[in-house]
Amino acid sequence: MKNFLIVSGLIAAFAIFMHFKQNSGKKLGGDISPAKSFWLFYCIYSWFIFIPFTYFTQNIPEPYQTTWIAFSIWFWIRGVIEMIMMFITKNWTPPIGITHNISCFLLLVFLPFFIDGNLQNLNSPFMIYHLSLILSIIMETYYAFTFWKIVGEKTKGEEAIWYANKEDPAFKRVVLVTAIANWPIYGGLIFFTAHLASR
């Protein structure tokens, strides 16, 4: 766990570097607000790195083990496709992500009941983190839908916009909501990380 925490710190440092790099000039995707950078780091870290770490190295009880494996595999598939569509074909649109988010929400909510209808230990650290994952998917869907209403088809092409710039009045509300929602979402991640470190 200690080595993983060190790696996590290095990833966080890299995320800070990428935030300033994205805002250093005209980059594909546009400028990014601090709140959005924190959110993006959470997504990459929690969904793509932290969850696989837990089910490969920790004793995770059901129904969380199977549900989290399915969730992370489904997101890794999206991640590969999204990178291709954003940087190569340059035709990524928010509705694609929204559709995937809805499928992830249904997976997180209903798959545990198919695995274990009793859902023991509802107040356990595992459930708390699981609920924070559900919240993160709800917020991701809200961000994608709101962003789509603001930029429309401008997520495509050589001048694509992917991020909410705090200097643009059109993004003021979504940036504020992102900054507020980051707190409980990070709270769930930090709480569960602390639990794993104490085992």
C-alpha atoms as a PDB file:
ATOM      1  CA  MET A   1       0.000   0.000   0.000  1.00  0.00           C
ATOM      2  CA  LYS A   2       2.883   2.362   0.778  1.00  0.00           C
ATOM      3  CA  ASN A   3       4.317   2.019  -2.726  1.00  0.00           C
ATOM      4  CA  PHE A   4       0.879   2.608  -4.207  1.00  0.00           C
ATOM      5  CA  LEU A   5       0.488   5.821  -2.185  1.00  0.00           C
ATOM      6  CA  ILE A   6       3.837   7.008  -3.537  1.00  0.00           C
ATOM      7  CA  VAL A   7       2.715   6.250  -7.077  1.00  0.00           C
ATOM      8  CA  SER A   8      -0.553   8.080  -6.359  1.00  0.00           C
ATOM      9  CA  GLY A   9       1.429  11.147  -5.279  1.00  0.00           C
ATOM     10  CA  LEU A  10       3.436  11.057  -8.495  1.00  0.00           C
ATOM     11  CA  ILE A  11       0.232  10.813 -10.525  1.00  0.00           C
ATOM     12  CA  ALA A  12      -1.180  13.816  -8.647  1.00  0.00           C
ATOM     13  CA  ALA A  13       2.002  15.791  -9.372  1.00  0.00           C
ATOM     14  CA  PHE A  14       1.696  14.889 -13.051  1.00  0.00           C
ATOM     15  CA  ALA A  15      -1.952  16.042 -13.030  1.00  0.00           C
ATOM     16  CA  ILE A  16      -0.864  19.434 -11.663  1.00  0.00           C
ATOM     17  CA  PHE A  17       1.778  19.676 -14.393  1.00  0.00           C
ATOM     18  CA  MET A  18      -0.811  18.848 -17.072  1.00  0.00           C
ATOM     19  CA  HIS A  19      -3.183  21.504 -15.707  1.00  0.00           C
ATOM     20  CA  PHE A  20      -0.615  24.254 -16.190  1.00  0.00           C
ATOM     21  CA  LYS A  21       0.486  22.838 -19.534  1.00  0.00           C
ATOM     22  CA  GLN A  22      -3.105  22.813 -20.830  1.00  0.00           C
ATOM     23  CA  ASN A  23      -3.445  26.473 -19.833  1.00  0.00           C
ATOM     24  CA  SER A  24      -0.039  27.538 -21.156  1.00  0.00           C
ATOM     25  CA  GLY A  25      -1.242  28.327 -24.659  1.00  0.00           C
ATOM     26  CA  LYS A  26      -3.634  27.229 -27.366  1.00  0.00           C
ATOM     27  CA  LYS A  27      -3.934  23.502 -26.762  1.00  0.00           C
ATOM     28  CA  LEU A  28      -6.394  21.077 -28.306  1.00  0.00           C
ATOM     29  CA  GLY A  29      -9.374  20.989 -25.956  1.00  0.00           C
ATOM     30  CA  GLY A  30      -9.036  24.571 -24.714  1.00  0.00           C
ATOM     31  CA  ASP A  31      -8.179  25.987 -21.292  1.00  0.00           C
ATOM     32  CA  ILE A  32      -9.269  24.078 -18.207  1.00  0.00           C
ATOM     33  CA  SER A  33     -10.451  25.375 -14.829  1.00  0.00           C
ATOM     34  CA  PRO A  34      -8.858  24.133 -11.565  1.00  0.00           C
ATOM     35  CA  ALA A  35     -12.153  22.506 -10.555  1.00  0.00           C
ATOM     36  CA  LYS A  36     -12.305  20.618 -13.844  1.00  0.00           C
ATOM     37  CA  SER A  37      -8.662  19.547 -13.459  1.00  0.00           C
ATOM     38  CA  PHE A  38      -9.414  18.125 -10.013  1.00  0.00           C
ATOM     39  CA  TRP A  39     -12.408  16.328 -11.486  1.00  0.00           C
ATOM     40  CA  LEU A  40     -10.420  14.946 -14.407  1.00  0.00           C
ATOM     41  CA  PHE A  41      -7.731  13.671 -12.047  1.00  0.00           C
ATOM     42  CA  TYR A  42     -10.399  11.942  -9.958  1.00  0.00           C
ATOM     43  CA  CYS A  43     -11.853  10.226 -13.028  1.00  0.00           C
ATOM     44  CA  ILE A  44      -8.532   8.941 -14.316  1.00  0.00           C
ATOM     45  CA  TYR A  45      -7.239   7.968 -10.894  1.00  0.00           C
ATOM     46  CA  SER A  46     -10.351   6.454  -9.318  1.00  0.00           C
ATOM     47  CA  TRP A  47     -11.987   4.740 -12.283  1.00  0.00           C
ATOM     48  CA  PHE A  48      -8.923   3.617 -14.237  1.00  0.00           C
ATOM     49  CA  ILE A  49      -6.198   3.080 -11.608  1.00  0.00           C
ATOM     50  CA  PHE A  50      -7.495   2.878  -8.049  1.00  0.00           C
ATOM     51  CA  ILE A  51     -10.332   0.408  -8.656  1.00  0.00           C
ATOM     52  CA  PRO A  52      -8.138  -2.122 -10.536  1.00  0.00           C
ATOM     53  CA  PHE A  53      -5.568  -1.764  -7.729  1.00  0.00           C
ATOM     54  CA  THR A  54      -8.180  -2.656  -5.112  1.00  0.00           C
ATOM     55  CA  TYR A  55      -9.475  -5.791  -6.795  1.00  0.00           C
ATOM     56  CA  PHE A  56      -5.998  -7.036  -7.707  1.00  0.00           C
ATOM     57  CA  THR A  57      -4.352  -6.445  -4.319  1.00  0.00           C
ATOM     58  CA  GLN A  58      -7.079  -6.257  -1.680  1.00  0.00           C
ATOM     59  CA  ASN A  59      -9.660  -8.658  -0.281  1.00  0.00           C
ATOM     60  CA  ILE A  60     -12.810  -7.008  -1.600  1.00  0.00           C
ATOM     61  CA  PRO A  61     -16.110  -8.639  -0.557  1.00  0.00           C
ATOM     62  CA  GLU A  62     -18.982  -9.288  -2.904  1.00  0.00           C
ATOM     63  CA  PRO A  63     -20.956  -7.735  -4.434  1.00  0.00           C
ATOM     64  CA  TYR A  64     -18.360  -4.972  -4.744  1.00  0.00           C
ATOM     65  CA  GLN A  65     -15.580  -7.125  -6.221  1.00  0.00           C
ATOM     66  CA  THR A  66     -17.484  -8.245  -9.313  1.00  0.00           C
ATOM     67  CA  THR A  67     -19.274  -4.922  -9.748  1.00  0.00           C
ATOM     68  CA  TRP A  68     -16.060  -2.893  -9.614  1.00  0.00           C
ATOM     69  CA  ILE A  69     -14.286  -5.249 -12.011  1.00  0.00           C
ATOM     70  CA  ALA A  70     -17.119  -4.870 -14.534  1.00  0.00           C
ATOM     71  CA  PHE A  71     -17.216  -1.100 -13.995  1.00  0.00           C
ATOM     72  CA  SER A  72     -13.489  -0.555 -14.538  1.00  0.00           C
ATOM     73  CA  ILE A  73     -13.284  -2.866 -17.571  1.00  0.00           C
ATOM     74  CA  TRP A  74     -16.206  -1.014 -19.147  1.00  0.00           C
ATOM     75  CA  PHE A  75     -14.443   2.304 -18.484  1.00  0.00           C
ATOM     76  CA  TRP A  76     -11.125   1.085 -19.877  1.00  0.00           C
ATOM     77  CA  ILE A  77     -12.937   0.132 -23.078  1.00  0.00           C
ATOM     78  CA  ARG A  78     -14.465   3.615 -23.224  1.00  0.00           C
ATOM     79  CA  GLY A  79     -11.112   5.232 -22.437  1.00  0.00           C
ATOM     80  CA  VAL A  80      -9.391   3.618 -25.418  1.00  0.00           C
ATOM     81  CA  ILE A  81     -12.235   4.491 -27.790  1.00  0.00           C
ATOM     82  CA  GLU A  82     -12.506   8.042 -26.444  1.00  0.00           C
ATOM     83  CA  MET A  83      -8.790   8.757 -26.868  1.00  0.00           C
ATOM     84  CA  ILE A  84      -8.946   7.570 -30.479  1.00  0.00           C
ATOM     85  CA  MET A  85     -12.016   9.705 -31.204  1.00  0.00           C
ATOM     86  CA  MET A  86     -10.596  12.787 -29.462  1.00  0.00           C
ATOM     87  CA  PHE A  87      -7.016  12.776 -30.753  1.00  0.00           C
ATOM     88  CA  ILE A  88      -7.097  10.798 -34.007  1.00  0.00           C
ATOM     89  CA  THR A  89     -10.511  10.862 -35.657  1.00  0.00           C
ATOM     90  CA  LYS A  90     -11.481  14.033 -33.697  1.00  0.00           C
ATOM     91  CA  ASN A  91     -15.196  13.248 -33.696  1.00  0.00           C
ATOM     92  CA  TRP A  92     -16.004  12.673 -30.014  1.00  0.00           C
ATOM     93  CA  THR A  93     -19.327  14.123 -28.862  1.00  0.00           C
ATOM     94  CA  PRO A  94     -20.880  14.355 -25.360  1.00  0.00           C
ATOM     95  CA  PRO A  95     -23.906  12.121 -26.198  1.00  0.00           C
ATOM     96  CA  ILE A  96     -21.498   9.204 -26.619  1.00  0.00           C
ATOM     97  CA  GLY A  97     -20.168   9.740 -23.116  1.00  0.00           C
ATOM     98  CA  ILE A  98     -23.647  10.336 -21.696  1.00  0.00           C
ATOM     99  CA  THR A  99     -24.866   7.005 -23.083  1.00  0.00           C
ATOM    100  CA  HIS A 100     -21.884   5.229 -21.544  1.00  0.00           C
ATOM    101  CA  ASN A 101     -22.450   7.025 -18.224  1.00  0.00           C
ATOM    102  CA  ILE A 102     -26.049   5.841 -18.069  1.00  0.00           C
ATOM    103  CA  SER A 103     -24.953   2.246 -18.647  1.00  0.00           C
ATOM    104  CA  CYS A 104     -22.365   2.620 -15.851  1.00  0.00           C
ATOM    105  CA  PHE A 105     -24.978   4.045 -13.500  1.00  0.00           C
ATOM    106  CA  LEU A 106     -27.285   1.090 -14.154  1.00  0.00           C
ATOM    107  CA  LEU A 107     -24.376  -1.296 -13.631  1.00  0.00           C
ATOM    108  CA  LEU A 108     -23.394   0.226 -10.273  1.00  0.00           C
ATOM    109  CA  VAL A 109     -26.979   0.383  -9.016  1.00  0.00           C
ATOM    110  CA  PHE A 110     -28.408  -2.940 -10.184  1.00  0.00           C
ATOM    111  CA  LEU A 111     -25.524  -5.417 -10.606  1.00  0.00           C
ATOM    112  CA  PRO A 112     -24.888  -5.656  -6.819  1.00  0.00           C
ATOM    113  CA  PHE A 113     -28.505  -6.797  -6.307  1.00  0.00           C
ATOM    114  CA  PHE A 114     -28.106  -9.574  -8.867  1.00  0.00           C
ATOM    115  CA  ILE A 115     -24.939 -10.737  -7.102  1.00  0.00           C
ATOM    116  CA  ASP A 116     -26.159 -10.353  -3.531  1.00  0.00           C
ATOM    117  CA  GLY A 117     -29.708  -9.195  -2.968  1.00  0.00           C
ATOM    118  CA  ASN A 118     -29.124  -8.732   0.761  1.00  0.00           C
ATOM    119  CA  LEU A 119     -26.344  -6.149   0.348  1.00  0.00           C
ATOM    120  CA  GLN A 120     -24.754  -6.777   3.721  1.00  0.00           C
ATOM    121  CA  ASN A 121     -22.790  -4.085   5.553  1.00  0.00           C
ATOM    122  CA  LEU A 122     -24.581  -1.127   4.005  1.00  0.00           C
ATOM    123  CA  ASN A 123     -22.602   1.260   6.240  1.00  0.00           C
ATOM    124  CA  SER A 124     -19.250  -0.324   5.479  1.00  0.00           C
ATOM    125  CA  PRO A 125     -16.348   1.605   3.899  1.00  0.00           C
ATOM    126  CA  PHE A 126     -16.971  -0.414   0.735  1.00  0.00           C
ATOM    127  CA  MET A 127     -20.545   0.834   0.492  1.00  0.00           C
ATOM    128  CA  ILE A 128     -19.471   4.417   1.204  1.00  0.00           C
ATOM    129  CA  TYR A 129     -16.966   4.295  -1.643  1.00  0.00           C
ATOM    130  CA  HIS A 130     -19.520   2.549  -3.868  1.00  0.00           C
ATOM    131  CA  LEU A 131     -22.033   5.333  -3.229  1.00  0.00           C
ATOM    132  CA  SER A 132     -19.362   7.929  -4.060  1.00  0.00           C
ATOM    133  CA  LEU A 133     -18.819   6.126  -7.381  1.00  0.00           C
ATOM    134  CA  ILE A 134     -22.533   6.367  -8.136  1.00  0.00           C
ATOM    135  CA  LEU A 135     -22.437  10.080  -7.281  1.00  0.00           C
ATOM    136  CA  SER A 136     -19.425  10.564  -9.539  1.00  0.00           C
ATOM    137  CA  ILE A 137     -21.272   8.995 -12.486  1.00  0.00           C
ATOM    138  CA  ILE A 138     -24.329  11.173 -11.834  1.00  0.00           C
ATOM    139  CA  MET A 139     -22.129  14.273 -11.798  1.00  0.00           C
ATOM    140  CA  GLU A 140     -20.213  13.170 -14.893  1.00  0.00           C
ATOM    141  CA  THR A 141     -23.511  12.815 -16.734  1.00  0.00           C
ATOM    142  CA  TYR A 142     -24.615  16.265 -15.584  1.00  0.00           C
ATOM    143  CA  TYR A 143     -21.297  17.811 -16.673  1.00  0.00           C
ATOM    144  CA  ALA A 144     -21.452  16.145 -20.093  1.00  0.00           C
ATOM    145  CA  PHE A 145     -25.054  17.189 -20.694  1.00  0.00           C
ATOM    146  CA  THR A 146     -24.442  20.778 -19.558  1.00  0.00           C
ATOM    147  CA  PHE A 147     -21.258  21.010 -21.611  1.00  0.00           C
ATOM    148  CA  TRP A 148     -23.100  19.677 -24.668  1.00  0.00           C
ATOM    149  CA  LYS A 149     -25.775  22.370 -24.307  1.00  0.00           C
ATOM    150  CA  ILE A 150     -23.067  25.063 -24.207  1.00  0.00           C
ATOM    151  CA  VAL A 151     -20.670  23.963 -26.956  1.00  0.00           C
ATOM    152  CA  GLY A 152     -22.810  21.693 -29.152  1.00  0.00           C
ATOM    153  CA  GLU A 153     -20.738  20.125 -31.932  1.00  0.00           C
ATOM    154  CA  LYS A 154     -17.609  22.128 -31.064  1.00  0.00           C
ATOM    155  CA  THR A 155     -16.069  19.050 -29.432  1.00  0.00           C
ATOM    156  CA  LYS A 156     -15.108  17.903 -32.927  1.00  0.00           C
ATOM    157  CA  GLY A 157     -12.294  18.892 -35.283  1.00  0.00           C
ATOM    158  CA  GLU A 158      -8.983  20.708 -34.974  1.00  0.00           C
ATOM    159  CA  GLU A 159     -10.434  23.465 -32.758  1.00  0.00           C
ATOM    160  CA  ALA A 160     -12.265  21.107 -30.410  1.00  0.00           C
ATOM    161  CA  ILE A 161     -13.265  22.317 -26.941  1.00  0.00           C
ATOM    162  CA  TRP A 162     -13.384  19.658 -24.226  1.00  0.00           C
ATOM    163  CA  TYR A 163     -12.887  21.571 -20.982  1.00  0.00           C
ATOM    164  CA  ALA A 164     -14.752  24.197 -18.979  1.00  0.00           C
ATOM    165  CA  ASN A 165     -12.748  27.426 -18.807  1.00  0.00           C
ATOM    166  CA  LYS A 166     -13.437  29.409 -15.628  1.00  0.00           C
ATOM    167  CA  GLU A 167     -12.850  32.679 -17.528  1.00  0.00           C
ATOM    168  CA  ASP A 168     -15.756  31.980 -19.898  1.00  0.00           C
ATOM    169  CA  PRO A 169     -19.076  33.208 -18.404  1.00  0.00           C
ATOM    170  CA  ALA A 170     -20.915  30.373 -20.163  1.00  0.00           C
ATOM    171  CA  PHE A 171     -19.125  27.854 -17.951  1.00  0.00           C
ATOM    172  CA  LYS A 172     -19.473  29.786 -14.670  1.00  0.00           C
ATOM    173  CA  ARG A 173     -22.262  27.624 -13.243  1.00  0.00           C
ATOM    174  CA  VAL A 174     -20.846  24.238 -14.249  1.00  0.00           C
ATOM    175  CA  VAL A 175     -17.414  25.197 -12.872  1.00  0.00           C
ATOM    176  CA  LEU A 176     -19.009  26.170  -9.551  1.00  0.00           C
ATOM    177  CA  VAL A 177     -21.032  22.943  -9.373  1.00  0.00           C
ATOM    178  CA  THR A 178     -17.898  20.952 -10.194  1.00  0.00           C
ATOM    179  CA  ALA A 179     -15.943  22.655  -7.407  1.00  0.00           C
ATOM    180  CA  ILE A 180     -18.709  21.864  -4.888  1.00  0.00           C
ATOM    181  CA  ALA A 181     -19.290  18.268  -6.011  1.00  0.00           C
ATOM    182  CA  ASN A 182     -15.567  17.490  -5.921  1.00  0.00           C
ATOM    183  CA  TRP A 183     -15.672  17.584  -2.103  1.00  0.00           C
ATOM    184  CA  PRO A 184     -17.978  14.600  -1.384  1.00  0.00           C
ATOM    185  CA  ILE A 185     -16.564  12.625  -4.303  1.00  0.00           C
ATOM    186  CA  TYR A 186     -12.976  13.081  -3.119  1.00  0.00           C
ATOM    187  CA  GLY A 187     -14.181  12.486   0.436  1.00  0.00           C
ATOM    188  CA  GLY A 188     -15.371   9.001  -0.487  1.00  0.00           C
ATOM    189  CA  LEU A 189     -12.101   8.211  -2.245  1.00  0.00           C
ATOM    190  CA  ILE A 190      -9.908   9.483   0.591  1.00  0.00           C
ATOM    191  CA  PHE A 191     -12.010   7.753   3.265  1.00  0.00           C
ATOM    192  CA  PHE A 192     -11.804   4.415   1.463  1.00  0.00           C
ATOM    193  CA  THR A 193      -8.072   4.815   0.789  1.00  0.00           C
ATOM    194  CA  ALA A 194      -7.515   5.451   4.493  1.00  0.00           C
ATOM    195  CA  HIS A 195      -9.525   2.324   5.286  1.00  0.00           C
ATOM    196  CA  LEU A 196      -7.411   0.194   2.965  1.00  0.00           C
ATOM    197  CA  ALA A 197      -4.201   1.656   4.394  1.00  0.00           C
ATOM    198  CA  SER A 198      -5.292   0.761   7.936  1.00  0.00           C
ATOM    199  CA  ARG A 199      -6.084  -2.906   7.166  1.00  0.00           C
END
